[in-house]
Amino acid sequence: RNNRVNHAYLFSGPRGCGKTTSAR
């Protein structure tokens, strides 16, 4: 909303919790 999107993100956490889904 604030148009402050970074150029790189790191999503970490246990398997099956939505990391790749959230990336998509």
PDB file of all heavy atoms in Angstrom:
ATOM      1  N   ARG A   1       0.837  -1.214   0.000  1.00  0.00           N
ATOM      2  CA  ARG A   1       0.000   0.000   0.000  1.00  0.00           C
ATOM      3  C   ARG A   1       0.868   1.259   0.000  1.00  0.00           C
ATOM      4  O   ARG A   1       0.533   2.259  -0.640  1.00  0.00           O
ATOM      5  CB  ARG A   1      -0.917   0.003   1.221  1.00  0.00           C
ATOM      6  CG  ARG A   1      -1.980  -1.082   1.223  1.00  0.00           C
ATOM      7  CD  ARG A   1      -2.966  -0.877   2.367  1.00  0.00           C
ATOM      8  NE  ARG A   1      -3.821  -2.034   2.533  1.00  0.00           N
ATOM      9  CZ  ARG A   1      -3.610  -2.994   3.439  1.00  0.00           C
ATOM     10  NH1 ARG A   1      -2.572  -2.897   4.273  1.00  0.00           N
ATOM     11  NH2 ARG A   1      -4.430  -4.018   3.523  1.00  0.00           N
ATOM     12  N   ASN A   2       1.966   1.196   0.762  1.00  0.00           N
ATOM     13  CA  ASN A   2       2.847   2.363   0.869  1.00  0.00           C
ATOM     14  C   ASN A   2       3.825   2.473  -0.295  1.00  0.00           C
ATOM     15  O   ASN A   2       4.614   3.431  -0.327  1.00  0.00           O
ATOM     16  CB  ASN A   2       3.643   2.290   2.176  1.00  0.00           C
ATOM     17  CG  ASN A   2       2.749   2.321   3.399  1.00  0.00           C
ATOM     18  OD1 ASN A   2       1.619   2.809   3.354  1.00  0.00           O
ATOM     19  ND2 ASN A   2       3.251   1.800   4.514  1.00  0.00           N
ATOM     20  N   ASN A   3       3.791   1.505  -1.212  1.00  0.00           N
ATOM     21  CA  ASN A   3       4.722   1.470  -2.350  1.00  0.00           C
ATOM     22  C   ASN A   3       6.175   1.504  -1.866  1.00  0.00           C
ATOM     23  O   ASN A   3       7.021   2.224  -2.408  1.00  0.00           O
ATOM     24  CB  ASN A   3       4.455   2.635  -3.306  1.00  0.00           C
ATOM     25  CG  ASN A   3       5.096   2.393  -4.662  1.00  0.00           C
ATOM     26  OD1 ASN A   3       5.365   1.246  -5.044  1.00  0.00           O
ATOM     27  ND2 ASN A   3       5.361   3.468  -5.397  1.00  0.00           N
ATOM     28  N   ARG A   4       6.441   0.718  -0.819  1.00  0.00           N
ATOM     29  CA  ARG A   4       7.800   0.609  -0.271  1.00  0.00           C
ATOM     30  C   ARG A   4       8.238  -0.861  -0.328  1.00  0.00           C
ATOM     31  O   ARG A   4       8.571  -1.474   0.692  1.00  0.00           O
ATOM     32  CB  ARG A   4       7.860   1.136   1.155  1.00  0.00           C
ATOM     33  CG  ARG A   4       7.565   2.628   1.266  1.00  0.00           C
ATOM     34  CD  ARG A   4       7.672   3.096   2.706  1.00  0.00           C
ATOM     35  NE  ARG A   4       9.026   2.959   3.201  1.00  0.00           N
ATOM     36  CZ  ARG A   4       9.977   3.888   3.111  1.00  0.00           C
ATOM     37  NH1 ARG A   4       9.710   5.025   2.469  1.00  0.00           N
ATOM     38  NH2 ARG A   4      11.172   3.685   3.603  1.00  0.00           N
ATOM     39  N   VAL A   5       8.227  -1.410  -1.517  1.00  0.00           N
ATOM     40  CA  VAL A   5       8.590  -2.811  -1.711  1.00  0.00           C
ATOM     41  C   VAL A   5      10.092  -2.916  -1.881  1.00  0.00           C
ATOM     42  O   VAL A   5      10.696  -2.172  -2.668  1.00  0.00           O
ATOM     43  CB  VAL A   5       7.869  -3.394  -2.941  1.00  0.00           C
ATOM     44  CG1 VAL A   5       8.257  -4.852  -3.138  1.00  0.00           C
ATOM     45  CG2 VAL A   5       6.361  -3.272  -2.766  1.00  0.00           C
ATOM     46  N   ASN A   6      10.700  -3.846  -1.141  1.00  0.00           N
ATOM     47  CA  ASN A   6      12.144  -4.028  -1.225  1.00  0.00           C
ATOM     48  C   ASN A   6      12.501  -4.834  -2.476  1.00  0.00           C
ATOM     49  O   ASN A   6      11.649  -5.488  -3.085  1.00  0.00           O
ATOM     50  CB  ASN A   6      12.654  -4.744   0.030  1.00  0.00           C
ATOM     51  CG  ASN A   6      14.155  -4.639   0.196  1.00  0.00           C
ATOM     52  OD1 ASN A   6      14.726  -3.563  -0.037  1.00  0.00           O
ATOM     53  ND2 ASN A   6      14.801  -5.718   0.574  1.00  0.00           N
ATOM     54  N   HIS A   7      13.786  -4.820  -2.814  1.00  0.00           N
ATOM     55  CA  HIS A   7      14.230  -5.549  -4.009  1.00  0.00           C
ATOM     56  C   HIS A   7      14.519  -7.010  -3.714  1.00  0.00           C
ATOM     57  O   HIS A   7      14.645  -7.826  -4.641  1.00  0.00           O
ATOM     58  CB  HIS A   7      15.488  -4.894  -4.585  1.00  0.00           C
ATOM     59  CG  HIS A   7      16.668  -4.969  -3.679  1.00  0.00           C
ATOM     60  ND1 HIS A   7      16.879  -4.063  -2.662  1.00  0.00           N
ATOM     61  CD2 HIS A   7      17.698  -5.848  -3.609  1.00  0.00           C
ATOM     62  CE1 HIS A   7      17.983  -4.370  -2.011  1.00  0.00           C
ATOM     63  NE2 HIS A   7      18.503  -5.453  -2.566  1.00  0.00           N
ATOM     64  N   ALA A   8      14.646  -7.402  -2.422  1.00  0.00           N
ATOM     65  CA  ALA A   8      14.963  -8.790  -2.080  1.00  0.00           C
ATOM     66  C   ALA A   8      14.313  -9.135  -0.748  1.00  0.00           C
ATOM     67  O   ALA A   8      14.346  -8.336   0.197  1.00  0.00           O
ATOM     68  CB  ALA A   8      16.474  -9.002  -2.013  1.00  0.00           C
ATOM     69  N   TYR A   9      13.746 -10.339  -0.680  1.00  0.00           N
ATOM     70  CA  TYR A   9      13.079 -10.813   0.541  1.00  0.00           C
ATOM     71  C   TYR A   9      13.627 -12.192   0.893  1.00  0.00           C
ATOM     72  O   TYR A   9      14.043 -12.974   0.020  1.00  0.00           O
ATOM     73  CB  TYR A   9      11.571 -10.910   0.330  1.00  0.00           C
ATOM     74  CG  TYR A   9      10.880  -9.561   0.236  1.00  0.00           C
ATOM     75  CD1 TYR A   9      10.716  -8.940  -1.004  1.00  0.00           C
ATOM     76  CD2 TYR A   9      10.400  -8.927   1.366  1.00  0.00           C
ATOM     77  CE1 TYR A   9      10.094  -7.717  -1.103  1.00  0.00           C
ATOM     78  CE2 TYR A   9       9.773  -7.690   1.279  1.00  0.00           C
ATOM     79  CZ  TYR A   9       9.627  -7.091   0.051  1.00  0.00           C
ATOM     80  OH  TYR A   9       9.014  -5.872  -0.039  1.00  0.00           O
ATOM     81  N   LEU A  10      13.608 -12.494   2.191  1.00  0.00           N
ATOM     82  CA  LEU A  10      13.978 -13.811   2.687  1.00  0.00           C
ATOM     83  C   LEU A  10      12.826 -14.333   3.531  1.00  0.00           C
ATOM     84  O   LEU A  10      12.516 -13.766   4.587  1.00  0.00           O
ATOM     85  CB  LEU A  10      15.262 -13.740   3.520  1.00  0.00           C
ATOM     86  CG  LEU A  10      15.699 -15.041   4.203  1.00  0.00           C
ATOM     87  CD1 LEU A  10      15.979 -16.123   3.171  1.00  0.00           C
ATOM     88  CD2 LEU A  10      16.932 -14.806   5.081  1.00  0.00           C
ATOM     89  N   PHE A  11      12.162 -15.397   3.056  1.00  0.00           N
ATOM     90  CA  PHE A  11      11.074 -16.036   3.792  1.00  0.00           C
ATOM     91  C   PHE A  11      11.634 -17.319   4.415  1.00  0.00           C
ATOM     92  O   PHE A  11      12.112 -18.209   3.710  1.00  0.00           O
ATOM     93  CB  PHE A  11       9.909 -16.390   2.858  1.00  0.00           C
ATOM     94  CG  PHE A  11       9.181 -15.187   2.310  1.00  0.00           C
ATOM     95  CD1 PHE A  11       8.274 -15.332   1.266  1.00  0.00           C
ATOM     96  CD2 PHE A  11       9.396 -13.931   2.824  1.00  0.00           C
ATOM     97  CE1 PHE A  11       7.591 -14.237   0.759  1.00  0.00           C
ATOM     98  CE2 PHE A  11       8.725 -12.824   2.322  1.00  0.00           C
ATOM     99  CZ  PHE A  11       7.827 -12.974   1.290  1.00  0.00           C
ATOM    100  N   SER A  12      11.573 -17.417   5.725  1.00  0.00           N
ATOM    101  CA  SER A  12      12.101 -18.590   6.412  1.00  0.00           C
ATOM    102  C   SER A  12      11.036 -19.172   7.329  1.00  0.00           C
ATOM    103  O   SER A  12      10.080 -18.487   7.714  1.00  0.00           O
ATOM    104  CB  SER A  12      13.347 -18.221   7.233  1.00  0.00           C
ATOM    105  OG  SER A  12      12.999 -17.369   8.314  1.00  0.00           O
ATOM    106  N   GLY A  13      11.206 -20.431   7.693  1.00  0.00           N
ATOM    107  CA  GLY A  13      10.265 -21.075   8.597  1.00  0.00           C
ATOM    108  C   GLY A  13      10.145 -22.558   8.322  1.00  0.00           C
ATOM    109  O   GLY A  13      10.745 -23.085   7.367  1.00  0.00           O
ATOM    110  N   PRO A  14       9.374 -23.283   9.154  1.00  0.00           N
ATOM    111  CA  PRO A  14       9.205 -24.732   8.975  1.00  0.00           C
ATOM    112  C   PRO A  14       8.536 -25.055   7.642  1.00  0.00           C
ATOM    113  O   PRO A  14       7.916 -24.191   7.005  1.00  0.00           O
ATOM    114  CB  PRO A  14       8.321 -25.141  10.155  1.00  0.00           C
ATOM    115  CG  PRO A  14       8.424 -24.016  11.130  1.00  0.00           C
ATOM    116  CD  PRO A  14       8.655 -22.781  10.332  1.00  0.00           C
ATOM    117  N   ARG A  15       8.639 -26.300   7.243  1.00  0.00           N
ATOM    118  CA  ARG A  15       8.077 -26.722   5.960  1.00  0.00           C
ATOM    119  C   ARG A  15       6.542 -26.657   6.022  1.00  0.00           C
ATOM    120  O   ARG A  15       5.924 -26.878   7.059  1.00  0.00           O
ATOM    121  CB  ARG A  15       8.524 -28.138   5.618  1.00  0.00           C
ATOM    122  CG  ARG A  15       7.915 -29.216   6.510  1.00  0.00           C
ATOM    123  CD  ARG A  15       8.342 -30.606   6.068  1.00  0.00           C
ATOM    124  NE  ARG A  15       7.588 -31.630   6.771  1.00  0.00           N
ATOM    125  CZ  ARG A  15       7.923 -32.142   7.944  1.00  0.00           C
ATOM    126  NH1 ARG A  15       9.006 -31.708   8.557  1.00  0.00           N
ATOM    127  NH2 ARG A  15       7.183 -33.076   8.509  1.00  0.00           N
ATOM    128  N   GLY A  16       5.960 -26.375   4.872  1.00  0.00           N
ATOM    129  CA  GLY A  16       4.513 -26.420   4.743  1.00  0.00           C
ATOM    130  C   GLY A  16       3.773 -25.300   5.423  1.00  0.00           C
ATOM    131  O   GLY A  16       2.579 -25.424   5.695  1.00  0.00           O
ATOM    132  N   CYS A  17       4.428 -24.177   5.688  1.00  0.00           N
ATOM    133  CA  CYS A  17       3.774 -23.068   6.387  1.00  0.00           C
ATOM    134  C   CYS A  17       3.443 -21.896   5.469  1.00  0.00           C
ATOM    135  O   CYS A  17       2.958 -20.866   5.945  1.00  0.00           O
ATOM    136  CB  CYS A  17       4.638 -22.594   7.551  1.00  0.00           C
ATOM    137  SG  CYS A  17       4.778 -23.792   8.882  1.00  0.00           S
ATOM    138  N   GLY A  18       3.726 -22.005   4.173  1.00  0.00           N
ATOM    139  CA  GLY A  18       3.290 -20.969   3.240  1.00  0.00           C
ATOM    140  C   GLY A  18       4.374 -20.068   2.702  1.00  0.00           C
ATOM    141  O   GLY A  18       4.067 -19.007   2.152  1.00  0.00           O
ATOM    142  N   LYS A  19       5.629 -20.445   2.779  1.00  0.00           N
ATOM    143  CA  LYS A  19       6.703 -19.564   2.301  1.00  0.00           C
ATOM    144  C   LYS A  19       6.642 -19.397   0.782  1.00  0.00           C
ATOM    145  O   LYS A  19       6.582 -18.271   0.276  1.00  0.00           O
ATOM    146  CB  LYS A  19       8.065 -20.134   2.718  1.00  0.00           C
ATOM    147  CG  LYS A  19       8.250 -20.292   4.217  1.00  0.00           C
ATOM    148  CD  LYS A  19       9.635 -20.781   4.557  1.00  0.00           C
ATOM    149  CE  LYS A  19       9.914 -22.170   4.014  1.00  0.00           C
ATOM    150  NZ  LYS A  19       9.040 -23.205   4.604  1.00  0.00           N
ATOM    151  N   THR A  20       6.672 -20.523   0.057  1.00  0.00           N
ATOM    152  CA  THR A  20       6.645 -20.440  -1.402  1.00  0.00           C
ATOM    153  C   THR A  20       5.313 -19.901  -1.903  1.00  0.00           C
ATOM    154  O   THR A  20       5.260 -19.126  -2.868  1.00  0.00           O
ATOM    155  CB  THR A  20       6.919 -21.833  -2.012  1.00  0.00           C
ATOM    156  OG1 THR A  20       8.131 -22.361  -1.473  1.00  0.00           O
ATOM    157  CG2 THR A  20       7.037 -21.746  -3.516  1.00  0.00           C
ATOM    158  N   THR A  21       4.230 -20.285  -1.249  1.00  0.00           N
ATOM    159  CA  THR A  21       2.915 -19.770  -1.627  1.00  0.00           C
ATOM    160  C   THR A  21       2.860 -18.260  -1.463  1.00  0.00           C
ATOM    161  O   THR A  21       2.348 -17.528  -2.329  1.00  0.00           O
ATOM    162  CB  THR A  21       1.826 -20.438  -0.779  1.00  0.00           C
ATOM    163  OG1 THR A  21       1.809 -21.843  -1.052  1.00  0.00           O
ATOM    164  CG2 THR A  21       0.462 -19.846  -1.081  1.00  0.00           C
ATOM    165  N   SER A  22       3.389 -17.748  -0.353  1.00  0.00           N
ATOM    166  CA  SER A  22       3.407 -16.300  -0.126  1.00  0.00           C
ATOM    167  C   SER A  22       4.306 -15.601  -1.134  1.00  0.00           C
ATOM    168  O   SER A  22       4.019 -14.457  -1.543  1.00  0.00           O
ATOM    169  CB  SER A  22       3.873 -16.000   1.299  1.00  0.00           C
ATOM    170  OG  SER A  22       2.959 -16.527   2.246  1.00  0.00           O
ATOM    171  N   ALA A  23       5.387 -16.262  -1.548  1.00  0.00           N
ATOM    172  CA  ALA A  23       6.252 -15.672  -2.572  1.00  0.00           C
ATOM    173  C   ALA A  23       5.490 -15.525  -3.893  1.00  0.00           C
ATOM    174  O   ALA A  23       5.609 -14.497  -4.586  1.00  0.00           O
ATOM    175  CB  ALA A  23       7.497 -16.534  -2.758  1.00  0.00           C
ATOM    176  N   ARG A  24       4.695 -16.534  -4.237  1.00  0.00           N
ATOM    177  CA  ARG A  24       3.899 -16.442  -5.466  1.00  0.00           C
ATOM    178  C   ARG A  24       2.834 -15.360  -5.357  1.00  0.00           C
ATOM    179  O   ARG A  24       2.566 -14.627  -6.326  1.00  0.00           O
ATOM    180  CB  ARG A  24       3.241 -17.786  -5.759  1.00  0.00           C
ATOM    181  CG  ARG A  24       4.231 -18.894  -6.115  1.00  0.00           C
ATOM    182  CD  ARG A  24       3.524 -20.227  -6.296  1.00  0.00           C
ATOM    183  NE  ARG A  24       4.457 -21.299  -6.593  1.00  0.00           N
ATOM    184  CZ  ARG A  24       4.120 -22.572  -6.715  1.00  0.00           C
ATOM    185  NH1 ARG A  24       2.844 -22.924  -6.549  1.00  0.00           N
ATOM    186  NH2 ARG A  24       5.026 -23.484  -6.994  1.00  0.00           N
TER     187      ARG A  24
END
